[in-house]
Amino acid sequence: MLKEDNRKLQGEQILLQESCEEARRLCEEAQGKICDLWTKQQQEHQRLEENLQSLRKQKELLTQQRDLAVKLQHHFTVSQMRFENLQQELEQTTAQDESLLQMELLKQKHYVPGNTC
């Protein structure tokens, strides 16, 4: 009877060892999958970090371009105002010159040389 119990126990021991080996194999397989997922997650994190850095640079460039556009618009407005002022001054000067020229012509028409004998 003890021999029979011993044989049964040995059979159970073999089954338990096989179960332990299967559990160990499944654990190693699961650990490999977890490591693969972790590696993929790290790679995705790095890719997202690089994209974020690229977006920050793009934002900085857009901000610089916007600031430059505002400065250019200001310079253009100032230049346009200066041009308009110069144009008005030119028109005034031209009008004054024409008026002086007309007065000079009128003087020449009415000028009668006197007898200086």
PDB file of N, CA and C in Angstrom:
ATOM      1  N   MET A   1       0.817  -1.179   0.000  1.00  0.00           N
ATOM      2  CA  MET A   1       0.000   0.000   0.000  1.00  0.00           C
ATOM      3  C   MET A   1       0.875   1.263   0.000  1.00  0.00           C
ATOM      4  N   LEU A   2       1.945   1.232   0.777  1.00  0.00           N
ATOM      5  CA  LEU A   2       2.871   2.366   0.814  1.00  0.00           C
ATOM      6  C   LEU A   2       3.522   2.551  -0.555  1.00  0.00           C
ATOM      7  N   LYS A   3       3.832   1.430  -1.212  1.00  0.00           N
ATOM      8  CA  LYS A   3       4.423   1.510  -2.532  1.00  0.00           C
ATOM      9  C   LYS A   3       3.439   2.160  -3.509  1.00  0.00           C
ATOM     10  N   GLU A   4       2.174   1.764  -3.376  1.00  0.00           N
ATOM     11  CA  GLU A   4       1.137   2.341  -4.234  1.00  0.00           C
ATOM     12  C   GLU A   4       1.010   3.835  -3.975  1.00  0.00           C
ATOM     13  N   ASP A   5       0.989   4.245  -2.722  1.00  0.00           N
ATOM     14  CA  ASP A   5       0.923   5.669  -2.362  1.00  0.00           C
ATOM     15  C   ASP A   5       2.165   6.404  -2.891  1.00  0.00           C
ATOM     16  N   ASN A   6       3.309   5.726  -2.767  1.00  0.00           N
ATOM     17  CA  ASN A   6       4.561   6.323  -3.231  1.00  0.00           C
ATOM     18  C   ASN A   6       4.501   6.555  -4.737  1.00  0.00           C
ATOM     19  N   ARG A   7       3.971   5.588  -5.492  1.00  0.00           N
ATOM     20  CA  ARG A   7       3.838   5.718  -6.937  1.00  0.00           C
ATOM     21  C   ARG A   7       2.884   6.856  -7.296  1.00  0.00           C
ATOM     22  N   LYS A   8       1.794   6.953  -6.575  1.00  0.00           N
ATOM     23  CA  LYS A   8       0.835   8.033  -6.813  1.00  0.00           C
ATOM     24  C   LYS A   8       1.484   9.396  -6.531  1.00  0.00           C
ATOM     25  N   LEU A   9       2.220   9.463  -5.435  1.00  0.00           N
ATOM     26  CA  LEU A   9       2.886  10.707  -5.073  1.00  0.00           C
ATOM     27  C   LEU A   9       3.944  11.076  -6.117  1.00  0.00           C
ATOM     28  N   GLN A  10       4.653  10.064  -6.594  1.00  0.00           N
ATOM     29  CA  GLN A  10       5.652  10.334  -7.634  1.00  0.00           C
ATOM     30  C   GLN A  10       4.970  10.835  -8.910  1.00  0.00           C
ATOM     31  N   GLY A  11       3.837  10.273  -9.240  1.00  0.00           N
ATOM     32  CA  GLY A  11       3.067  10.723 -10.413  1.00  0.00           C
ATOM     33  C   GLY A  11       2.606  12.168 -10.223  1.00  0.00           C
ATOM     34  N   GLU A  12       2.126  12.441  -9.016  1.00  0.00           N
ATOM     35  CA  GLU A  12       1.694  13.808  -8.721  1.00  0.00           C
ATOM     36  C   GLU A  12       2.895  14.771  -8.762  1.00  0.00           C
ATOM     37  N   GLN A  13       4.043  14.295  -8.275  1.00  0.00           N
ATOM     38  CA  GLN A  13       5.245  15.123  -8.277  1.00  0.00           C
ATOM     39  C   GLN A  13       5.638  15.458  -9.710  1.00  0.00           C
ATOM     40  N   ILE A  14       5.571  14.439 -10.579  1.00  0.00           N
ATOM     41  CA  ILE A  14       5.915  14.663 -11.990  1.00  0.00           C
ATOM     42  C   ILE A  14       4.947  15.681 -12.609  1.00  0.00           C
ATOM     43  N   LEU A  15       3.648  15.523 -12.326  1.00  0.00           N
ATOM     44  CA  LEU A  15       2.658  16.465 -12.843  1.00  0.00           C
ATOM     45  C   LEU A  15       2.911  17.878 -12.320  1.00  0.00           C
ATOM     46  N   LEU A  16       3.260  17.972 -11.016  1.00  0.00           N
ATOM     47  CA  LEU A  16       3.554  19.275 -10.431  1.00  0.00           C
ATOM     48  C   LEU A  16       4.803  19.887 -11.068  1.00  0.00           C
ATOM     49  N   GLN A  17       5.832  19.089 -11.327  1.00  0.00           N
ATOM     50  CA  GLN A  17       7.039  19.593 -11.962  1.00  0.00           C
ATOM     51  C   GLN A  17       6.738  20.089 -13.379  1.00  0.00           C
ATOM     52  N   GLU A  18       5.929  19.310 -14.091  1.00  0.00           N
ATOM     53  CA  GLU A  18       5.550  19.727 -15.445  1.00  0.00           C
ATOM     54  C   GLU A  18       4.744  21.020 -15.403  1.00  0.00           C
ATOM     55  N   SER A  19       3.837  21.104 -14.417  1.00  0.00           N
ATOM     56  CA  SER A  19       3.041  22.326 -14.269  1.00  0.00           C
ATOM     57  C   SER A  19       3.938  23.516 -13.928  1.00  0.00           C
ATOM     58  N   CYS A  20       4.921  23.271 -13.046  1.00  0.00           N
ATOM     59  CA  CYS A  20       5.855  24.348 -12.684  1.00  0.00           C
ATOM     60  C   CYS A  20       6.662  24.786 -13.896  1.00  0.00           C
ATOM     61  N   GLU A  21       7.128  23.845 -14.700  1.00  0.00           N
ATOM     62  CA  GLU A  21       7.890  24.187 -15.898  1.00  0.00           C
ATOM     63  C   GLU A  21       7.022  24.972 -16.890  1.00  0.00           C
ATOM     64  N   GLU A  22       5.771  24.552 -17.035  1.00  0.00           N
ATOM     65  CA  GLU A  22       4.848  25.262 -17.926  1.00  0.00           C
ATOM     66  C   GLU A  22       4.588  26.675 -17.404  1.00  0.00           C
ATOM     67  N   ALA A  23       4.399  26.802 -16.086  1.00  0.00           N
ATOM     68  CA  ALA A  23       4.169  28.123 -15.486  1.00  0.00           C
ATOM     69  C   ALA A  23       5.405  29.005 -15.665  1.00  0.00           C
ATOM     70  N   ARG A  24       6.603  28.425 -15.492  1.00  0.00           N
ATOM     71  CA  ARG A  24       7.845  29.163 -15.676  1.00  0.00           C
ATOM     72  C   ARG A  24       7.976  29.626 -17.127  1.00  0.00           C
ATOM     73  N   ARG A  25       7.657  28.733 -18.051  1.00  0.00           N
ATOM     74  CA  ARG A  25       7.717  29.079 -19.468  1.00  0.00           C
ATOM     75  C   ARG A  25       6.734  30.205 -19.790  1.00  0.00           C
ATOM     76  N   LEU A  26       5.513  30.112 -19.276  1.00  0.00           N
ATOM     77  CA  LEU A  26       4.509  31.146 -19.503  1.00  0.00           C
ATOM     78  C   LEU A  26       4.944  32.477 -18.888  1.00  0.00           C
ATOM     79  N   CYS A  27       5.576  32.441 -17.711  1.00  0.00           N
ATOM     80  CA  CYS A  27       6.079  33.652 -17.066  1.00  0.00           C
ATOM     81  C   CYS A  27       7.172  34.298 -17.905  1.00  0.00           C
ATOM     82  N   GLU A  28       8.093  33.474 -18.415  1.00  0.00           N
ATOM     83  CA  GLU A  28       9.165  34.014 -19.252  1.00  0.00           C
ATOM     84  C   GLU A  28       8.602  34.614 -20.535  1.00  0.00           C
ATOM     85  N   GLU A  29       7.617  33.946 -21.110  1.00  0.00           N
ATOM     86  CA  GLU A  29       6.970  34.453 -22.317  1.00  0.00           C
ATOM     87  C   GLU A  29       6.265  35.785 -22.033  1.00  0.00           C
ATOM     88  N   ALA A  30       5.557  35.844 -20.926  1.00  0.00           N
ATOM     89  CA  ALA A  30       4.867  37.078 -20.533  1.00  0.00           C
ATOM     90  C   ALA A  30       5.879  38.191 -20.261  1.00  0.00           C
ATOM     91  N   GLN A  31       6.977  37.849 -19.595  1.00  0.00           N
ATOM     92  CA  GLN A  31       8.010  38.847 -19.311  1.00  0.00           C
ATOM     93  C   GLN A  31       8.609  39.383 -20.610  1.00  0.00           C
ATOM     94  N   GLY A  32       8.833  38.501 -21.589  1.00  0.00           N
ATOM     95  CA  GLY A  32       9.342  38.935 -22.895  1.00  0.00           C
ATOM     96  C   GLY A  32       8.381  39.891 -23.576  1.00  0.00           C
ATOM     97  N   LYS A  33       7.083  39.561 -23.519  1.00  0.00           N
ATOM     98  CA  LYS A  33       6.077  40.444 -24.128  1.00  0.00           C
ATOM     99  C   LYS A  33       6.030  41.783 -23.406  1.00  0.00           C
ATOM    100  N   ILE A  34       6.128  41.752 -22.084  1.00  0.00           N
ATOM    101  CA  ILE A  34       6.120  42.996 -21.304  1.00  0.00           C
ATOM    102  C   ILE A  34       7.330  43.848 -21.665  1.00  0.00           C
ATOM    103  N   CYS A  35       8.488  43.202 -21.786  1.00  0.00           N
ATOM    104  CA  CYS A  35       9.705  43.944 -22.165  1.00  0.00           C
ATOM    105  C   CYS A  35       9.559  44.558 -23.552  1.00  0.00           C
ATOM    106  N   ASP A  36       8.982  43.803 -24.491  1.00  0.00           N
ATOM    107  CA  ASP A  36       8.766  44.320 -25.837  1.00  0.00           C
ATOM    108  C   ASP A  36       7.829  45.525 -25.806  1.00  0.00           C
ATOM    109  N   LEU A  37       6.746  45.405 -25.048  1.00  0.00           N
ATOM    110  CA  LEU A  37       5.800  46.518 -24.931  1.00  0.00           C
ATOM    111  C   LEU A  37       6.460  47.732 -24.280  1.00  0.00           C
ATOM    112  N   TRP A  38       7.277  47.502 -23.263  1.00  0.00           N
ATOM    113  CA  TRP A  38       7.961  48.597 -22.576  1.00  0.00           C
ATOM    114  C   TRP A  38       8.908  49.304 -23.539  1.00  0.00           C
ATOM    115  N   THR A  39       9.641  48.502 -24.338  1.00  0.00           N
ATOM    116  CA  THR A  39      10.565  49.080 -25.321  1.00  0.00           C
ATOM    117  C   THR A  39       9.797  49.916 -26.348  1.00  0.00           C
ATOM    118  N   LYS A  40       8.682  49.372 -26.836  1.00  0.00           N
ATOM    119  CA  LYS A  40       7.866  50.115 -27.801  1.00  0.00           C
ATOM    120  C   LYS A  40       7.329  51.396 -27.173  1.00  0.00           C
ATOM    121  N   GLN A  41       6.922  51.327 -25.916  1.00  0.00           N
ATOM    122  CA  GLN A  41       6.406  52.506 -25.227  1.00  0.00           C
ATOM    123  C   GLN A  41       7.511  53.556 -25.075  1.00  0.00           C
ATOM    124  N   GLN A  42       8.713  53.128 -24.751  1.00  0.00           N
ATOM    125  CA  GLN A  42       9.840  54.056 -24.628  1.00  0.00           C
ATOM    126  C   GLN A  42      10.143  54.716 -25.975  1.00  0.00           C
ATOM    127  N   GLN A  43      10.116  53.922 -27.046  1.00  0.00           N
ATOM    128  CA  GLN A  43      10.359  54.467 -28.376  1.00  0.00           C
ATOM    129  C   GLN A  43       9.274  55.476 -28.759  1.00  0.00           C
ATOM    130  N   GLU A  44       8.026  55.145 -28.453  1.00  0.00           N
ATOM    131  CA  GLU A  44       6.914  56.051 -28.741  1.00  0.00           C
ATOM    132  C   GLU A  44       7.050  57.333 -27.922  1.00  0.00           C
ATOM    133  N   HIS A  45       7.450  57.191 -26.683  1.00  0.00           N
ATOM    134  CA  HIS A  45       7.658  58.365 -25.816  1.00  0.00           C
ATOM    135  C   HIS A  45       8.751  59.259 -26.396  1.00  0.00           C
ATOM    136  N   GLN A  46       9.834  58.654 -26.849  1.00  0.00           N
ATOM    137  CA  GLN A  46      10.940  59.425 -27.431  1.00  0.00           C
ATOM    138  C   GLN A  46      10.481  60.122 -28.714  1.00  0.00           C
ATOM    139  N   ARG A  47       9.708  59.411 -29.534  1.00  0.00           N
ATOM    140  CA  ARG A  47       9.192  60.003 -30.772  1.00  0.00           C
ATOM    141  C   ARG A  47       8.286  61.190 -30.460  1.00  0.00           C
ATOM    142  N   LEU A  48       7.413  61.025 -29.478  1.00  0.00           N
ATOM    143  CA  LEU A  48       6.517  62.115 -29.089  1.00  0.00           C
ATOM    144  C   LEU A  48       7.294  63.296 -28.516  1.00  0.00           C
ATOM    145  N   GLU A  49       8.337  62.997 -27.764  1.00  0.00           N
ATOM    146  CA  GLU A  49       9.177  64.066 -27.196  1.00  0.00           C
ATOM    147  C   GLU A  49       9.857  64.855 -28.315  1.00  0.00           C
ATOM    148  N   GLU A  50      10.348  64.137 -29.336  1.00  0.00           N
ATOM    149  CA  GLU A  50      10.978  64.801 -30.476  1.00  0.00           C
ATOM    150  C   GLU A  50       9.958  65.647 -31.239  1.00  0.00           C
ATOM    151  N   ASN A  51       8.743  65.117 -31.410  1.00  0.00           N
ATOM    152  CA  ASN A  51       7.687  65.881 -32.079  1.00  0.00           C
ATOM    153  C   ASN A  51       7.346  67.137 -31.287  1.00  0.00           C
ATOM    154  N   LEU A  52       7.283  67.002 -29.980  1.00  0.00           N
ATOM    155  CA  LEU A  52       6.988  68.149 -29.123  1.00  0.00           C
ATOM    156  C   LEU A  52       8.075  69.207 -29.256  1.00  0.00           C
ATOM    157  N   GLN A  53       9.323  68.766 -29.265  1.00  0.00           N
ATOM    158  CA  GLN A  53      10.439  69.703 -29.420  1.00  0.00           C
ATOM    159  C   GLN A  53      10.362  70.396 -30.790  1.00  0.00           C
ATOM    160  N   SER A  54      10.030  69.639 -31.819  1.00  0.00           N
ATOM    161  CA  SER A  54       9.888  70.208 -33.156  1.00  0.00           C
ATOM    162  C   SER A  54       8.750  71.230 -33.187  1.00  0.00           C
ATOM    163  N   LEU A  55       7.637  70.917 -32.546  1.00  0.00           N
ATOM    164  CA  LEU A  55       6.512  71.852 -32.488  1.00  0.00           C
ATOM    165  C   LEU A  55       6.886  73.117 -31.732  1.00  0.00           C
ATOM    166  N   ARG A  56       7.674  72.979 -30.675  1.00  0.00           N
ATOM    167  CA  ARG A  56       8.113  74.155 -29.929  1.00  0.00           C
ATOM    168  C   ARG A  56       8.982  75.056 -30.810  1.00  0.00           C
ATOM    169  N   LYS A  57       9.875  74.437 -31.596  1.00  0.00           N
ATOM    170  CA  LYS A  57      10.725  75.214 -32.498  1.00  0.00           C
ATOM    171  C   LYS A  57       9.874  75.922 -33.547  1.00  0.00           C
ATOM    172  N   GLN A  58       8.880  75.207 -34.087  1.00  0.00           N
ATOM    173  CA  GLN A  58       7.996  75.806 -35.080  1.00  0.00           C
ATOM    174  C   GLN A  58       7.233  76.979 -34.475  1.00  0.00           C
ATOM    175  N   LYS A  59       6.773  76.807 -33.245  1.00  0.00           N
ATOM    176  CA  LYS A  59       6.052  77.891 -32.569  1.00  0.00           C
ATOM    177  C   LYS A  59       6.968  79.102 -32.396  1.00  0.00           C
ATOM    178  N   GLU A  60       8.213  78.836 -32.002  1.00  0.00           N
ATOM    179  CA  GLU A  60       9.179  79.926 -31.826  1.00  0.00           C
ATOM    180  C   GLU A  60       9.421  80.653 -33.148  1.00  0.00           C
ATOM    181  N   LEU A  61       9.570  79.889 -34.233  1.00  0.00           N
ATOM    182  CA  LEU A  61       9.778  80.500 -35.552  1.00  0.00           C
ATOM    183  C   LEU A  61       8.556  81.314 -35.978  1.00  0.00           C
ATOM    184  N   LEU A  62       7.368  80.779 -35.719  1.00  0.00           N
ATOM    185  CA  LEU A  62       6.151  81.515 -36.071  1.00  0.00           C
ATOM    186  C   LEU A  62       6.049  82.803 -35.263  1.00  0.00           C
ATOM    187  N   THR A  63       6.425  82.740 -34.002  1.00  0.00           N
ATOM    188  CA  THR A  63       6.402  83.939 -33.160  1.00  0.00           C
ATOM    189  C   THR A  63       7.385  84.975 -33.705  1.00  0.00           C
ATOM    190  N   GLN A  64       8.575  84.523 -34.083  1.00  0.00           N
ATOM    191  CA  GLN A  64       9.572  85.436 -34.644  1.00  0.00           C
ATOM    192  C   GLN A  64       9.060  86.046 -35.951  1.00  0.00           C
ATOM    193  N   GLN A  65       8.429  85.217 -36.792  1.00  0.00           N
ATOM    194  CA  GLN A  65       7.896  85.719 -38.059  1.00  0.00           C
ATOM    195  C   GLN A  65       6.783  86.735 -37.814  1.00  0.00           C
ATOM    196  N   ARG A  66       5.933  86.459 -36.833  1.00  0.00           N
ATOM    197  CA  ARG A  66       4.853  87.390 -36.513  1.00  0.00           C
ATOM    198  C   ARG A  66       5.429  88.717 -36.015  1.00  0.00           C
ATOM    199  N   ASP A  67       6.419  88.634 -35.120  1.00  0.00           N
ATOM    200  CA  ASP A  67       7.054  89.857 -34.619  1.00  0.00           C
ATOM    201  C   ASP A  67       7.708  90.642 -35.750  1.00  0.00           C
ATOM    202  N   LEU A  68       8.369  89.927 -36.646  1.00  0.00           N
ATOM    203  CA  LEU A  68       8.996  90.581 -37.793  1.00  0.00           C
ATOM    204  C   LEU A  68       7.950  91.232 -38.689  1.00  0.00           C
ATOM    205  N   ALA A  69       6.835  90.549 -38.892  1.00  0.00           N
ATOM    206  CA  ALA A  69       5.762  91.113 -39.717  1.00  0.00           C
ATOM    207  C   ALA A  69       5.212  92.386 -39.082  1.00  0.00           C
ATOM    208  N   VAL A  70       5.072  92.392 -37.763  1.00  0.00           N
ATOM    209  CA  VAL A  70       4.583  93.594 -37.079  1.00  0.00           C
ATOM    210  C   VAL A  70       5.581  94.732 -37.253  1.00  0.00           C
ATOM    211  N   LYS A  71       6.870  94.439 -37.102  1.00  0.00           N
ATOM    212  CA  LYS A  71       7.897  95.480 -37.282  1.00  0.00           C
ATOM    213  C   LYS A  71       7.899  96.004 -38.712  1.00  0.00           C
ATOM    214  N   LEU A  72       7.801  95.081 -39.674  1.00  0.00           N
ATOM    215  CA  LEU A  72       7.776  95.498 -41.069  1.00  0.00           C
ATOM    216  C   LEU A  72       6.552  96.361 -41.367  1.00  0.00           C
ATOM    217  N   GLN A  73       5.416  95.985 -40.806  1.00  0.00           N
ATOM    218  CA  GLN A  73       4.203  96.770 -41.003  1.00  0.00           C
ATOM    219  C   GLN A  73       4.379  98.171 -40.418  1.00  0.00           C
ATOM    220  N   HIS A  74       5.010  98.245 -39.248  1.00  0.00           N
ATOM    221  CA  HIS A  74       5.271  99.544 -38.622  1.00  0.00           C
ATOM    222  C   HIS A  74       6.193 100.391 -39.503  1.00  0.00           C
ATOM    223  N   HIS A  75       7.283  99.787 -39.990  1.00  0.00           N
ATOM    224  CA  HIS A  75       8.217 100.513 -40.848  1.00  0.00           C
ATOM    225  C   HIS A  75       7.533 100.955 -42.141  1.00  0.00           C
ATOM    226  N   PHE A  76       6.687 100.091 -42.678  1.00  0.00           N
ATOM    227  CA  PHE A  76       5.969 100.438 -43.898  1.00  0.00           C
ATOM    228  C   PHE A  76       5.040 101.624 -43.642  1.00  0.00           C
ATOM    229  N   THR A  77       4.325 101.589 -42.539  1.00  0.00           N
ATOM    230  CA  THR A  77       3.408 102.687 -42.200  1.00  0.00           C
ATOM    231  C   THR A  77       4.173 103.997 -42.026  1.00  0.00           C
ATOM    232  N   VAL A  78       5.299 103.932 -41.302  1.00  0.00           N
ATOM    233  CA  VAL A  78       6.121 105.138 -41.097  1.00  0.00           C
ATOM    234  C   VAL A  78       6.637 105.645 -42.445  1.00  0.00           C
ATOM    235  N   SER A  79       7.120 104.747 -43.284  1.00  0.00           N
ATOM    236  CA  SER A  79       7.632 105.148 -44.605  1.00  0.00           C
ATOM    237  C   SER A  79       6.521 105.754 -45.453  1.00  0.00           C
ATOM    238  N   GLN A  80       5.355 105.168 -45.389  1.00  0.00           N
ATOM    239  CA  GLN A  80       4.234 105.682 -46.163  1.00  0.00           C
ATOM    240  C   GLN A  80       3.859 107.088 -45.682  1.00  0.00           C
ATOM    241  N   MET A  81       3.852 107.290 -44.363  1.00  0.00           N
ATOM    242  CA  MET A  81       3.553 108.621 -43.819  1.00  0.00           C
ATOM    243  C   MET A  81       4.620 109.621 -44.256  1.00  0.00           C
ATOM    244  N   ARG A  82       5.885 109.229 -44.222  1.00  0.00           N
ATOM    245  CA  ARG A  82       6.960 110.122 -44.667  1.00  0.00           C
ATOM    246  C   ARG A  82       6.795 110.473 -46.142  1.00  0.00           C
ATOM    247  N   PHE A  83       6.466 109.458 -46.940  1.00  0.00           N
ATOM    248  CA  PHE A  83       6.267 109.684 -48.369  1.00  0.00           C
ATOM    249  C   PHE A  83       5.129 110.681 -48.589  1.00  0.00           C
ATOM    250  N   GLU A  84       4.024 110.489 -47.886  1.00  0.00           N
ATOM    251  CA  GLU A  84       2.887 111.391 -48.029  1.00  0.00           C
ATOM    252  C   GLU A  84       3.261 112.814 -47.612  1.00  0.00           C
ATOM    253  N   ASN A  85       4.032 112.942 -46.529  1.00  0.00           N
ATOM    254  CA  ASN A  85       4.485 114.268 -46.094  1.00  0.00           C
ATOM    255  C   ASN A  85       5.385 114.911 -47.139  1.00  0.00           C
ATOM    256  N   LEU A  86       6.323 114.135 -47.678  1.00  0.00           N
ATOM    257  CA  LEU A  86       7.217 114.664 -48.712  1.00  0.00           C
ATOM    258  C   LEU A  86       6.431 115.049 -49.963  1.00  0.00           C
ATOM    259  N   GLN A  87       5.436 114.245 -50.299  1.00  0.00           N
ATOM    260  CA  GLN A  87       4.626 114.547 -51.473  1.00  0.00           C
ATOM    261  C   GLN A  87       3.855 115.855 -51.254  1.00  0.00           C
ATOM    262  N   GLN A  88       3.315 116.031 -50.055  1.00  0.00           N
ATOM    263  CA  GLN A  88       2.612 117.289 -49.758  1.00  0.00           C
ATOM    264  C   GLN A  88       3.569 118.484 -49.824  1.00  0.00           C
ATOM    265  N   GLU A  89       4.774 118.311 -49.269  1.00  0.00           N
ATOM    266  CA  GLU A  89       5.764 119.387 -49.312  1.00  0.00           C
ATOM    267  C   GLU A  89       6.137 119.713 -50.754  1.00  0.00           C
ATOM    268  N   LEU A  90       6.297 118.655 -51.568  1.00  0.00           N
ATOM    269  CA  LEU A  90       6.623 118.865 -52.976  1.00  0.00           C
ATOM    270  C   LEU A  90       5.502 119.611 -53.684  1.00  0.00           C
ATOM    271  N   GLU A  91       4.273 119.235 -53.425  1.00  0.00           N
ATOM    272  CA  GLU A  91       3.132 119.911 -54.045  1.00  0.00           C
ATOM    273  C   GLU A  91       3.086 121.375 -53.615  1.00  0.00           C
ATOM    274  N   GLN A  92       3.329 121.628 -52.325  1.00  0.00           N
ATOM    275  CA  GLN A  92       3.329 123.005 -51.831  1.00  0.00           C
ATOM    276  C   GLN A  92       4.454 123.817 -52.482  1.00  0.00           C
ATOM    277  N   THR A  93       5.638 123.224 -52.540  1.00  0.00           N
ATOM    278  CA  THR A  93       6.788 123.906 -53.143  1.00  0.00           C
ATOM    279  C   THR A  93       6.522 124.171 -54.617  1.00  0.00           C
ATOM    280  N   THR A  94       5.971 123.184 -55.301  1.00  0.00           N
ATOM    281  CA  THR A  94       5.668 123.344 -56.720  1.00  0.00           C
ATOM    282  C   THR A  94       4.630 124.446 -56.911  1.00  0.00           C
ATOM    283  N   ALA A  95       3.614 124.464 -56.061  1.00  0.00           N
ATOM    284  CA  ALA A  95       2.582 125.504 -56.155  1.00  0.00           C
ATOM    285  C   ALA A  95       3.194 126.878 -55.898  1.00  0.00           C
ATOM    286  N   GLN A  96       4.060 126.976 -54.912  1.00  0.00           N
ATOM    287  CA  GLN A  96       4.721 128.255 -54.617  1.00  0.00           C
ATOM    288  C   GLN A  96       5.599 128.696 -55.787  1.00  0.00           C
ATOM    289  N   ASP A  97       6.347 127.739 -56.355  1.00  0.00           N
ATOM    290  CA  ASP A  97       7.216 128.061 -57.494  1.00  0.00           C
ATOM    291  C   ASP A  97       6.386 128.531 -58.687  1.00  0.00           C
ATOM    292  N   GLU A  98       5.266 127.858 -58.939  1.00  0.00           N
ATOM    293  CA  GLU A  98       4.407 128.255 -60.048  1.00  0.00           C
ATOM    294  C   GLU A  98       3.834 129.655 -59.801  1.00  0.00           C
ATOM    295  N   SER A  99       3.436 129.908 -58.562  1.00  0.00           N
ATOM    296  CA  SER A  99       2.897 131.226 -58.215  1.00  0.00           C
ATOM    297  C   SER A  99       3.956 132.310 -58.410  1.00  0.00           C
ATOM    298  N   LEU A 100       5.175 132.054 -57.959  1.00  0.00           N
ATOM    299  CA  LEU A 100       6.265 133.022 -58.139  1.00  0.00           C
ATOM    300  C   LEU A 100       6.573 133.238 -59.613  1.00  0.00           C
ATOM    301  N   LEU A 101       6.537 132.149 -60.378  1.00  0.00           N
ATOM    302  CA  LEU A 101       6.794 132.239 -61.809  1.00  0.00           C
ATOM    303  C   LEU A 101       5.721 133.070 -62.496  1.00  0.00           C
ATOM    304  N   GLN A 102       4.463 132.866 -62.131  1.00  0.00           N
ATOM    305  CA  GLN A 102       3.377 133.638 -62.713  1.00  0.00           C
ATOM    306  C   GLN A 102       3.518 135.116 -62.354  1.00  0.00           C
ATOM    307  N   MET A 103       3.885 135.381 -61.099  1.00  0.00           N
ATOM    308  CA  MET A 103       4.071 136.774 -60.697  1.00  0.00           C
ATOM    309  C   MET A 103       5.217 137.405 -61.482  1.00  0.00           C
ATOM    310  N   GLU A 104       6.264 136.684 -61.689  1.00  0.00           N
ATOM    311  CA  GLU A 104       7.419 137.187 -62.442  1.00  0.00           C
ATOM    312  C   GLU A 104       7.027 137.457 -63.884  1.00  0.00           C
ATOM    313  N   LEU A 105       6.234 136.551 -64.457  1.00  0.00           N
ATOM    314  CA  LEU A 105       5.776 136.752 -65.831  1.00  0.00           C
ATOM    315  C   LEU A 105       4.876 137.977 -65.925  1.00  0.00           C
ATOM    316  N   LEU A 106       4.023 138.151 -64.951  1.00  0.00           N
ATOM    317  CA  LEU A 106       3.146 139.328 -64.943  1.00  0.00           C
ATOM    318  C   LEU A 106       3.959 140.604 -64.830  1.00  0.00           C
ATOM    319  N   LYS A 107       4.960 140.586 -64.021  1.00  0.00           N
ATOM    320  CA  LYS A 107       5.827 141.770 -63.876  1.00  0.00           C
ATOM    321  C   LYS A 107       6.508 142.084 -65.194  1.00  0.00           C
ATOM    322  N   GLN A 108       6.950 141.037 -65.894  1.00  0.00           N
ATOM    323  CA  GLN A 108       7.652 141.256 -67.159  1.00  0.00           C
ATOM    324  C   GLN A 108       6.695 141.795 -68.212  1.00  0.00           C
ATOM    325  N   LYS A 109       5.435 141.373 -68.186  1.00  0.00           N
ATOM    326  CA  LYS A 109       4.470 141.848 -69.171  1.00  0.00           C
ATOM    327  C   LYS A 109       4.156 143.321 -68.930  1.00  0.00           C
ATOM    328  N   HIS A 110       4.067 143.743 -67.707  1.00  0.00           N
ATOM    329  CA  HIS A 110       3.684 145.115 -67.373  1.00  0.00           C
ATOM    330  C   HIS A 110       4.890 146.053 -67.282  1.00  0.00           C
ATOM    331  N   TYR A 111       6.026 145.501 -67.409  1.00  0.00           N
ATOM    332  CA  TYR A 111       7.231 146.328 -67.276  1.00  0.00           C
ATOM    333  C   TYR A 111       7.421 147.150 -68.542  1.00  0.00           C
ATOM    334  N   VAL A 112       7.509 148.426 -68.385  1.00  0.00           N
ATOM    335  CA  VAL A 112       7.767 149.298 -69.518  1.00  0.00           C
ATOM    336  C   VAL A 112       9.096 149.953 -69.222  1.00  0.00           C
ATOM    337  N   PRO A 113      10.054 149.754 -70.095  1.00  0.00           N
ATOM    338  CA  PRO A 113      11.344 150.346 -69.826  1.00  0.00           C
ATOM    339  C   PRO A 113      11.242 151.869 -69.891  1.00  0.00           C
ATOM    340  N   GLY A 114      11.787 152.512 -68.932  1.00  0.00           N
ATOM    341  CA  GLY A 114      11.724 153.975 -68.847  1.00  0.00           C
ATOM    342  C   GLY A 114      12.768 154.644 -69.729  1.00  0.00           C
ATOM    343  N   ASN A 115      12.490 155.900 -70.109  1.00  0.00           N
ATOM    344  CA  ASN A 115      13.451 156.675 -70.878  1.00  0.00           C
ATOM    345  C   ASN A 115      14.486 157.224 -69.961  1.00  0.00           C
ATOM    346  N   THR A 116      15.647 156.851 -70.177  1.00  0.00           N
ATOM    347  CA  THR A 116      16.716 157.354 -69.325  1.00  0.00           C
ATOM    348  C   THR A 116      17.619 158.238 -70.151  1.00  0.00           C
ATOM    349  N   CYS A 117      17.091 159.163 -70.824  1.00  0.00           N
ATOM    350  CA  CYS A 117      17.883 160.051 -71.643  1.00  0.00           C
ATOM    351  C   CYS A 117      18.307 161.278 -70.914  1.00  0.00           C
TER     352      CYS A 117
END
